[in-house]
Amino acid sequence: MHNATAFRHKVAVVGVGMTHQGDHGDVPDQVLALHALQEAMAVAGIEDKHRINAILGARQYHGSGIDGV
């Protein structure tokens, strides 16, 4: 089955991006998230942001572990 319905209700991770660990000074979280998203899109070969159905993000908050974004 090679049509769009074959992938309905399926999940695929096609790109992963992240920022460098450590202090980013005054760089807002949204800017860091954008950089990670741009990296993930490049890794996945996605040029049109409208092809993305969902994004999952997380951040580490002051070394206390992973907090959902």
Protein backbone atom coordinates (compact mmCIF):
# COMPACT_ATOMS: atom_id res chain seq x y z
CA MET A 1 0.00 0.00 0.00
CA HIS A 2 1.76 3.17 -1.19
CA ASN A 3 -0.71 5.95 -0.64
CA ALA A 4 -1.32 8.61 2.01
CA THR A 5 -3.88 6.50 3.88
CA ALA A 6 -1.21 3.88 4.58
CA PHE A 7 0.40 6.33 6.99
CA ARG A 8 -2.78 7.62 8.65
CA HIS A 9 -2.53 7.52 12.46
CA LYS A 10 1.17 6.70 12.30
CA VAL A 11 4.09 8.61 13.80
CA ALA A 12 7.52 9.13 12.29
CA VAL A 13 10.46 11.06 13.71
CA VAL A 14 12.27 12.35 10.65
CA GLY A 15 14.55 14.98 12.13
CA VAL A 16 16.13 15.85 15.47
CA GLY A 17 17.78 19.13 16.41
CA MET A 18 19.24 20.59 19.59
CA THR A 19 21.21 23.52 20.90
CA HIS A 20 24.55 23.28 22.66
CA GLN A 21 24.39 22.49 26.36
CA GLY A 22 25.31 25.26 28.78
CA ASP A 23 24.57 28.88 29.51
CA HIS A 24 23.18 30.82 26.56
CA GLY A 25 23.23 34.18 28.31
CA ASP A 26 20.33 36.38 27.33
CA VAL A 27 19.21 34.30 24.34
CA PRO A 28 15.44 33.70 24.74
CA ASP A 29 14.12 30.12 24.90
CA GLN A 30 12.09 30.76 21.74
CA VAL A 31 15.23 31.59 19.75
CA LEU A 32 16.97 28.45 21.00
CA ALA A 33 13.89 26.40 20.08
CA LEU A 34 13.87 27.95 16.60
CA HIS A 35 17.54 27.03 16.07
CA ALA A 36 16.83 23.42 17.12
CA LEU A 37 13.80 23.28 14.81
CA GLN A 38 15.82 24.62 11.87
CA GLU A 39 18.46 21.95 12.51
CA ALA A 40 15.82 19.21 12.67
CA MET A 41 14.29 20.39 9.40
CA ALA A 42 17.72 20.40 7.72
CA VAL A 43 18.48 16.88 8.97
CA ALA A 44 15.12 15.67 7.67
CA GLY A 45 15.48 17.46 4.35
CA ILE A 46 12.26 19.44 4.96
CA GLU A 47 12.27 22.85 3.32
CA ASP A 48 8.55 23.68 3.66
CA LYS A 49 7.46 24.15 7.29
CA HIS A 50 3.88 23.40 6.23
CA ARG A 51 4.84 19.73 5.83
CA ILE A 52 5.32 19.44 9.60
CA ASN A 53 2.31 18.07 11.49
CA ALA A 54 3.69 18.18 15.02
CA ILE A 55 6.72 19.21 17.06
CA LEU A 56 7.89 17.78 20.36
CA GLY A 57 10.25 19.88 22.44
CA ALA A 58 11.95 19.65 25.81
CA ARG A 59 14.46 21.73 27.73
CA GLN A 60 16.69 21.25 30.72
CA TYR A 61 15.92 23.82 33.39
CA HIS A 62 18.92 24.84 35.51
CA GLY A 63 20.29 21.31 35.65
CA SER A 64 17.19 19.93 37.35
CA GLY A 65 16.31 17.47 34.60
CA ILE A 66 14.15 17.60 31.51
CA ASP A 67 11.12 19.90 31.53
CA GLY A 68 8.50 19.70 28.80
CA VAL A 69 8.20 22.81 26.65
